[in-house]
Amino acid sequence: MKESNDLKDESRSYKREKQKGERWDGYLIRSTSSFQKLMPYLMNTRDGSSIYFKNTFDATRIVEYLNKKNEELNEKVFNNSSDCNTADIQENFNSKLSEKYTYNHFFMTAITRVIAMRPHLNRFIAGKKIYQRHNIELAYVVKKQFSDDGEESVTISKFERDSNIYDVVKILNPVINGVKDGSDDEHGDFLNTFLKFPSFIVSFVVTLMNFFIVLGHCPVFLRKMDVMQCSAFVSNLGSIDLATVPIHHLYDRGTCSVFITVGKVRKVKSDHVGASKKYEVEISVTMDERVTDGFYLINSLKVLQEILNDPEQLNKRLKEVPMDV
């Protein structure tokens, strides 16, 4: 997936560098209110501190946006194949079909954008303190085969805060394709090996990893394999044709403060003959209330709605990224 010409040389927005002595995953937030700092002492568990939101959003502009981008992609394929024979054109076209823009690409980009613009969503609790994560890291499930017995793997991708849809696709496609064909599934390979050990060793390692979370320092090989250390866990249930999505719980271990489930983009039935096609999508969000308040979440969902209403903004990188201090 190529970036458009006007984005190739575009400079990246300011990024806060990790400072000496800071945790591997984030830095301490000092500007929050005293009451917010007290919250982790009043509510001990992440799941017990969860707040929930579920809504159906208008997805008509998303459908139009992706159709337009894929039409442009197809035009490029045939224009670049003008001097090729029919077999080469078909091979090139089939190759590009695997790179077409999908709802998964769109929603992963939209979620990255919302977290970047609303940095409180990228906070987490560790050792009763509130931290801001260094990067935006999204965890998601890749199902290798769409069957009851099909294996699935949880993986994490890291994105810069100013990322556009081209940046996100460039990261997602190789990871997802690598997991599906079995050539790049570090998390699945690690867990398969790890769970062969006796139960007491597994329990000890999990306890050790929990200690490292409080400590803020951890061996690289362990932190890379811990899928519970992320900004948000995203479950795209539309990929398995599920329109009505559940409200998911948060996990008490790890540092993931947000869980998002996205349903299938579906056509809205209309009783009016000749009415224009409308689409909708159901999204649910679960968030750790200790990192920020419900009012902030509601305003963040308004930002998401603005992106759904104007998807074209995801073609460009953010010029300014708000920093959480």
Protein backbone atom coordinates (compact mmCIF):
# COMPACT_ATOMS: atom_id res chain seq x y z
CA MET A 1 0.00 0.00 0.00
CA LYS A 2 1.67 3.19 -1.16
CA GLU A 3 1.35 6.60 0.40
CA SER A 4 -0.02 9.35 -1.77
CA ASN A 5 2.70 11.58 -3.26
CA ASP A 6 1.85 14.52 -1.03
CA LEU A 7 2.57 12.46 2.10
CA LYS A 8 5.89 10.85 1.23
CA ASP A 9 8.02 13.74 2.43
CA GLU A 10 5.65 15.04 5.07
CA SER A 11 7.36 15.72 8.39
CA ARG A 12 6.15 13.99 11.54
CA SER A 13 4.67 15.93 14.44
CA TYR A 14 6.52 16.37 17.73
CA LYS A 15 7.09 13.21 19.74
CA ARG A 16 8.02 13.20 23.42
CA GLU A 17 11.14 11.10 23.91
CA LYS A 18 11.45 8.62 26.78
CA GLN A 19 13.50 10.17 29.55
CA LYS A 20 16.12 8.51 31.72
CA GLY A 21 14.71 6.52 34.61
CA GLU A 22 11.14 6.40 33.28
CA ARG A 23 9.11 3.21 32.99
CA TRP A 24 9.51 1.27 29.76
CA ASP A 25 5.83 1.83 28.88
CA GLY A 26 4.95 5.31 30.12
CA TYR A 27 5.62 8.36 32.26
CA LEU A 28 4.00 9.63 35.45
CA ILE A 29 1.08 12.08 35.12
CA ARG A 30 1.36 15.00 37.54
CA SER A 31 -1.29 17.48 36.35
CA THR A 32 -4.39 15.43 37.18
CA SER A 33 -6.64 16.38 40.09
CA SER A 34 -6.13 15.12 43.64
CA PHE A 35 -9.41 13.20 43.49
CA GLN A 36 -8.32 11.41 40.31
CA LYS A 37 -5.04 10.47 41.99
CA LEU A 38 -7.05 9.03 44.88
CA MET A 39 -9.24 6.85 42.64
CA PRO A 40 -6.76 3.91 42.37
CA TYR A 41 -6.79 3.66 46.17
CA LEU A 42 -10.60 3.62 46.30
CA MET A 43 -11.07 1.09 43.49
CA ASN A 44 -8.48 -1.67 43.39
CA THR A 45 -9.27 -3.59 40.20
CA ARG A 46 -9.47 -2.51 36.57
CA ASP A 47 -12.59 -4.51 35.79
CA GLY A 48 -14.28 -3.27 38.96
CA SER A 49 -13.55 0.32 37.88
CA SER A 50 -15.00 -0.07 34.40
CA ILE A 51 -17.54 2.21 32.77
CA TYR A 52 -19.42 1.17 29.65
CA PHE A 53 -20.75 2.86 26.56
CA LYS A 54 -22.51 1.43 23.54
CA ASN A 55 -23.90 3.28 20.55
CA THR A 56 -24.89 2.87 16.92
CA PHE A 57 -23.06 5.29 14.62
CA ASP A 58 -23.86 6.42 11.09
CA ALA A 59 -21.35 4.62 8.84
CA THR A 60 -22.55 5.90 5.43
CA ARG A 61 -19.52 8.13 4.90
CA ILE A 62 -17.17 5.27 5.84
CA VAL A 63 -18.61 3.08 3.08
CA GLU A 64 -18.30 5.90 0.54
CA TYR A 65 -14.76 6.67 1.67
CA LEU A 66 -13.49 3.08 1.40
CA ASN A 67 -15.24 2.51 -1.93
CA LYS A 68 -13.56 5.62 -3.31
CA LYS A 69 -10.10 4.62 -2.05
CA ASN A 70 -10.39 1.10 -3.46
CA GLU A 71 -11.59 2.44 -6.82
CA GLU A 72 -8.52 4.69 -6.91
CA LEU A 73 -6.36 1.70 -6.01
CA ASN A 74 -7.83 -0.41 -8.82
CA GLU A 75 -7.29 2.42 -11.32
CA LYS A 76 -3.61 2.57 -10.34
CA VAL A 77 -3.27 -1.18 -10.83
CA PHE A 78 -4.59 -1.10 -14.40
CA ASN A 79 -2.78 2.11 -15.29
CA ASN A 80 0.52 0.60 -14.13
CA SER A 81 -0.24 -2.60 -16.07
CA SER A 82 -0.89 -0.96 -19.44
CA ASP A 83 2.20 -2.53 -21.01
CA CYS A 84 1.71 -5.98 -19.50
CA ASN A 85 0.00 -9.03 -20.96
CA THR A 86 -3.37 -10.28 -19.65
CA ALA A 87 -1.85 -12.85 -17.26
CA ASP A 88 0.44 -10.23 -15.69
CA ILE A 89 -2.47 -7.82 -15.28
CA GLN A 90 -4.57 -10.46 -13.54
CA GLU A 91 -1.68 -11.45 -11.25
CA ASN A 92 -1.03 -7.82 -10.38
CA PHE A 93 -4.72 -7.22 -9.77
CA ASN A 94 -5.05 -10.26 -7.50
CA SER A 95 -2.01 -9.10 -5.53
CA LYS A 96 -3.49 -5.65 -5.04
CA LEU A 97 -6.83 -7.08 -3.95
CA SER A 98 -5.11 -8.40 -0.82
CA GLU A 99 -3.98 -4.84 -0.09
CA LYS A 100 -7.34 -3.13 -0.51
CA TYR A 101 -8.60 -0.83 2.19
CA THR A 102 -10.91 -2.59 4.66
CA TYR A 103 -13.16 -1.65 7.55
CA ASN A 104 -10.48 -3.03 9.84
CA HIS A 105 -7.93 -0.58 8.41
CA PHE A 106 -10.36 2.27 8.84
CA PHE A 107 -11.39 1.57 12.43
CA MET A 108 -7.83 0.90 13.59
CA THR A 109 -6.83 4.25 12.09
CA ALA A 110 -9.84 6.03 13.59
CA ILE A 111 -9.13 4.58 17.05
CA THR A 112 -5.47 5.60 16.78
CA ARG A 113 -6.57 9.12 15.85
CA VAL A 114 -9.05 9.41 18.73
CA ILE A 115 -6.47 8.21 21.27
CA ALA A 116 -3.95 10.70 19.87
CA MET A 117 -6.41 13.58 20.09
CA ARG A 118 -7.76 12.50 23.49
CA PRO A 119 -4.59 11.48 25.39
CA HIS A 120 -6.34 10.61 28.68
CA LEU A 121 -7.54 7.46 26.89
CA ASN A 122 -3.90 6.37 26.68
CA ARG A 123 -3.35 6.46 30.44
CA PHE A 124 -2.99 3.42 32.66
CA ILE A 125 -2.74 2.51 36.34
CA ALA A 126 0.33 0.79 37.82
CA GLY A 127 1.22 0.69 41.51
CA LYS A 128 -1.72 3.02 42.36
CA LYS A 129 -0.29 5.76 40.13
CA ILE A 130 -1.52 7.16 36.81
CA TYR A 131 0.80 7.02 33.80
CA GLN A 132 0.63 8.13 30.17
CA ARG A 133 1.84 5.56 27.64
CA HIS A 134 4.82 6.46 25.47
CA ASN A 135 3.20 5.17 22.27
CA ILE A 136 -0.20 4.14 20.98
CA GLU A 137 -0.26 0.33 21.07
CA LEU A 138 -3.36 -1.55 19.92
CA ALA A 139 -3.92 -5.23 20.66
CA TYR A 140 -6.17 -7.26 18.38
CA VAL A 141 -7.04 -10.85 17.49
CA VAL A 142 -6.07 -12.39 14.17
CA LYS A 143 -8.04 -15.52 13.36
CA LYS A 144 -6.03 -17.80 11.10
CA GLN A 145 -9.02 -19.73 9.79
CA PHE A 146 -12.68 -18.69 9.99
CA SER A 147 -13.97 -21.89 11.58
CA ASP A 148 -14.86 -23.13 15.06
CA ASP A 149 -11.51 -24.88 15.32
CA GLY A 150 -9.54 -22.12 13.63
CA GLU A 151 -6.56 -20.90 15.62
CA GLU A 152 -6.39 -17.29 16.68
CA SER A 153 -3.51 -15.15 17.82
CA VAL A 154 -3.44 -11.91 19.80
CA THR A 155 -0.86 -9.42 18.63
CA ILE A 156 0.06 -5.79 19.31
CA SER A 157 0.96 -3.09 16.80
CA LYS A 158 2.57 0.22 17.73
CA PHE A 159 1.55 3.46 16.00
CA GLU A 160 2.83 7.01 16.11
CA ARG A 161 0.30 9.52 17.41
CA ASP A 162 0.13 11.46 14.14
CA SER A 163 -0.47 8.35 11.97
CA ASN A 164 -2.73 8.49 8.92
CA ILE A 165 -4.45 5.54 7.23
CA TYR A 166 -1.41 4.88 5.00
CA ASP A 167 0.85 4.58 8.05
CA VAL A 168 -1.57 2.21 9.78
CA VAL A 169 -2.08 -0.03 6.74
CA LYS A 170 1.69 -0.23 6.19
CA ILE A 171 2.06 -1.64 9.72
CA LEU A 172 -1.05 -3.83 9.89
CA ASN A 173 -0.87 -5.71 6.59
CA PRO A 174 2.52 -7.42 7.09
CA VAL A 175 1.65 -8.38 10.68
CA ILE A 176 -1.79 -9.82 9.86
CA ASN A 177 -0.55 -11.64 6.75
CA GLY A 178 2.43 -12.99 8.70
CA VAL A 179 0.23 -14.38 11.47
CA LYS A 180 -2.26 -15.93 9.03
CA ASP A 181 0.36 -17.77 7.01
CA GLY A 182 2.27 -18.78 10.15
CA SER A 183 5.53 -17.05 9.20
CA ASP A 184 5.35 -14.35 11.89
CA ASP A 185 3.43 -15.25 15.03
CA GLU A 186 5.76 -14.49 17.94
CA HIS A 187 2.99 -14.28 20.53
CA GLY A 188 1.37 -17.57 19.51
CA ASP A 189 4.72 -19.40 19.32
CA PHE A 190 5.75 -18.04 22.73
CA LEU A 191 2.49 -19.06 24.43
CA ASN A 192 2.54 -22.53 22.88
CA THR A 193 5.99 -23.10 24.34
CA PHE A 194 5.31 -21.33 27.64
CA LEU A 195 2.18 -23.34 28.47
CA LYS A 196 4.07 -26.63 28.15
CA PHE A 197 5.77 -25.85 31.46
CA PRO A 198 4.29 -27.13 34.77
CA SER A 199 1.46 -25.03 36.26
CA PHE A 200 3.53 -23.73 39.18
CA ILE A 201 6.12 -22.31 36.77
CA VAL A 202 3.42 -20.63 34.66
CA SER A 203 1.87 -19.14 37.82
CA PHE A 204 5.28 -17.92 39.03
CA VAL A 205 6.10 -16.23 35.71
CA VAL A 206 2.69 -14.49 35.60
CA THR A 207 3.25 -13.27 39.20
CA LEU A 208 6.70 -12.07 38.20
CA MET A 209 5.28 -10.18 35.21
CA ASN A 210 2.72 -8.52 37.49
CA PHE A 211 5.57 -7.42 39.75
CA PHE A 212 7.43 -5.95 36.76
CA ILE A 213 4.31 -3.92 35.88
CA VAL A 214 4.36 -2.26 39.31
CA LEU A 215 8.14 -1.85 39.16
CA GLY A 216 8.02 -0.27 35.71
CA HIS A 217 10.99 -2.20 34.34
CA CYS A 218 10.93 -5.58 32.62
CA PRO A 219 13.14 -7.80 30.44
CA VAL A 220 12.52 -6.99 26.77
CA PHE A 221 11.57 -10.53 25.75
CA LEU A 222 8.83 -10.67 28.41
CA ARG A 223 7.30 -7.27 27.70
CA LYS A 224 7.15 -8.01 23.96
CA MET A 225 5.09 -11.11 24.64
CA ASP A 226 2.66 -9.59 27.14
CA VAL A 227 -0.44 -8.67 25.14
CA MET A 228 -2.10 -7.12 28.18
CA GLN A 229 0.26 -4.13 27.99
CA CYS A 230 -1.46 -1.88 25.45
CA SER A 231 -3.41 1.32 24.97
CA ALA A 232 -6.57 -0.49 23.89
CA PHE A 233 -7.76 -3.94 22.94
CA VAL A 234 -9.75 -3.79 19.69
CA SER A 235 -12.11 -6.58 18.68
CA ASN A 236 -13.44 -6.22 15.12
CA LEU A 237 -16.45 -8.52 15.27
CA GLY A 238 -17.62 -7.27 11.91
CA SER A 239 -14.97 -9.58 10.41
CA ILE A 240 -17.03 -12.56 11.60
CA ASP A 241 -20.30 -10.98 10.41
CA LEU A 242 -21.55 -9.96 13.87
CA ALA A 243 -23.61 -6.77 13.78
CA THR A 244 -24.70 -6.53 17.43
CA VAL A 245 -21.61 -6.40 19.62
CA PRO A 246 -21.20 -7.28 23.31
CA ILE A 247 -19.82 -4.95 25.96
CA HIS A 248 -16.50 -6.52 26.90
CA HIS A 249 -14.87 -6.53 30.32
CA LEU A 250 -11.38 -5.18 31.05
CA TYR A 251 -8.60 -7.47 32.23
CA ASP A 252 -7.39 -6.96 35.79
CA ARG A 253 -3.82 -7.85 34.97
CA GLY A 254 -1.74 -5.73 32.64
CA THR A 255 -2.21 -2.04 31.84
CA CYS A 256 -4.92 -1.98 29.16
CA SER A 257 -7.43 0.72 30.13
CA VAL A 258 -9.76 0.53 27.10
CA PHE A 259 -11.57 -2.31 25.30
CA ILE A 260 -13.38 -1.54 22.03
CA THR A 261 -15.65 -3.86 20.08
CA VAL A 262 -16.74 -2.94 16.55
CA GLY A 263 -19.62 -4.62 14.76
CA LYS A 264 -20.43 -5.25 11.12
CA VAL A 265 -21.17 -2.22 8.96
CA ARG A 266 -24.72 -2.93 7.86
CA LYS A 267 -27.23 -1.34 5.51
CA VAL A 268 -30.13 0.46 7.16
CA LYS A 269 -33.53 -0.69 5.91
CA SER A 270 -35.76 2.04 4.56
CA ASP A 271 -39.48 2.05 3.87
CA HIS A 272 -39.12 4.87 1.33
CA VAL A 273 -38.79 3.87 -2.30
CA GLY A 274 -35.74 5.43 -3.94
CA ALA A 275 -34.22 6.52 -0.64
CA SER A 276 -30.42 6.80 -0.68
CA LYS A 277 -28.49 3.95 0.94
CA LYS A 278 -27.61 4.40 4.59
CA TYR A 279 -25.24 2.33 6.72
CA GLU A 280 -24.62 2.01 10.44
CA VAL A 281 -22.17 0.32 12.80
CA GLU A 282 -22.45 -0.58 16.46
CA ILE A 283 -19.47 0.17 18.72
CA SER A 284 -19.04 -0.51 22.42
CA VAL A 285 -16.33 0.92 24.67
CA THR A 286 -15.23 -0.20 28.12
CA MET A 287 -12.85 2.08 30.01
CA ASP A 288 -11.07 2.19 33.35
CA GLU A 289 -12.74 5.12 35.13
CA ARG A 290 -9.66 5.70 37.29
CA VAL A 291 -7.65 7.20 34.43
CA THR A 292 -10.22 9.89 33.59
CA ASP A 293 -13.92 10.61 34.03
CA GLY A 294 -17.01 9.65 32.06
CA PHE A 295 -17.43 13.19 30.72
CA TYR A 296 -14.04 12.92 29.01
CA LEU A 297 -15.07 9.60 27.45
CA ILE A 298 -18.33 11.05 26.12
CA ASN A 299 -16.48 13.96 24.50
CA SER A 300 -13.98 11.47 23.06
CA LEU A 301 -16.84 9.59 21.43
CA LYS A 302 -17.95 12.87 19.89
CA VAL A 303 -14.48 13.10 18.33
CA LEU A 304 -14.98 9.59 16.95
CA GLN A 305 -18.33 10.66 15.46
CA GLU A 306 -16.64 13.64 13.79
CA ILE A 307 -14.12 11.28 12.17
CA LEU A 308 -16.90 8.95 10.99
CA ASN A 309 -18.65 11.96 9.46
CA ASP A 310 -15.46 13.14 7.74
CA PRO A 311 -13.23 10.09 7.03
CA GLU A 312 -11.10 12.03 4.54
CA GLN A 313 -9.20 13.60 7.44
CA LEU A 314 -7.53 10.22 8.04
CA ASN A 315 -5.64 10.66 4.75
CA LYS A 316 -3.42 13.23 6.45
CA ARG A 317 -1.23 13.07 9.49
CA LEU A 318 -2.06 15.13 12.55
CA LYS A 319 -0.17 18.42 12.48
CA GLU A 320 -0.31 18.91 16.24
CA VAL A 321 -0.55 16.18 18.85
CA PRO A 322 -1.73 17.14 22.36
CA MET A 323 0.65 16.00 25.09
CA ASP A 324 -0.53 14.68 28.45
CA VAL A 325 1.44 15.95 31.44
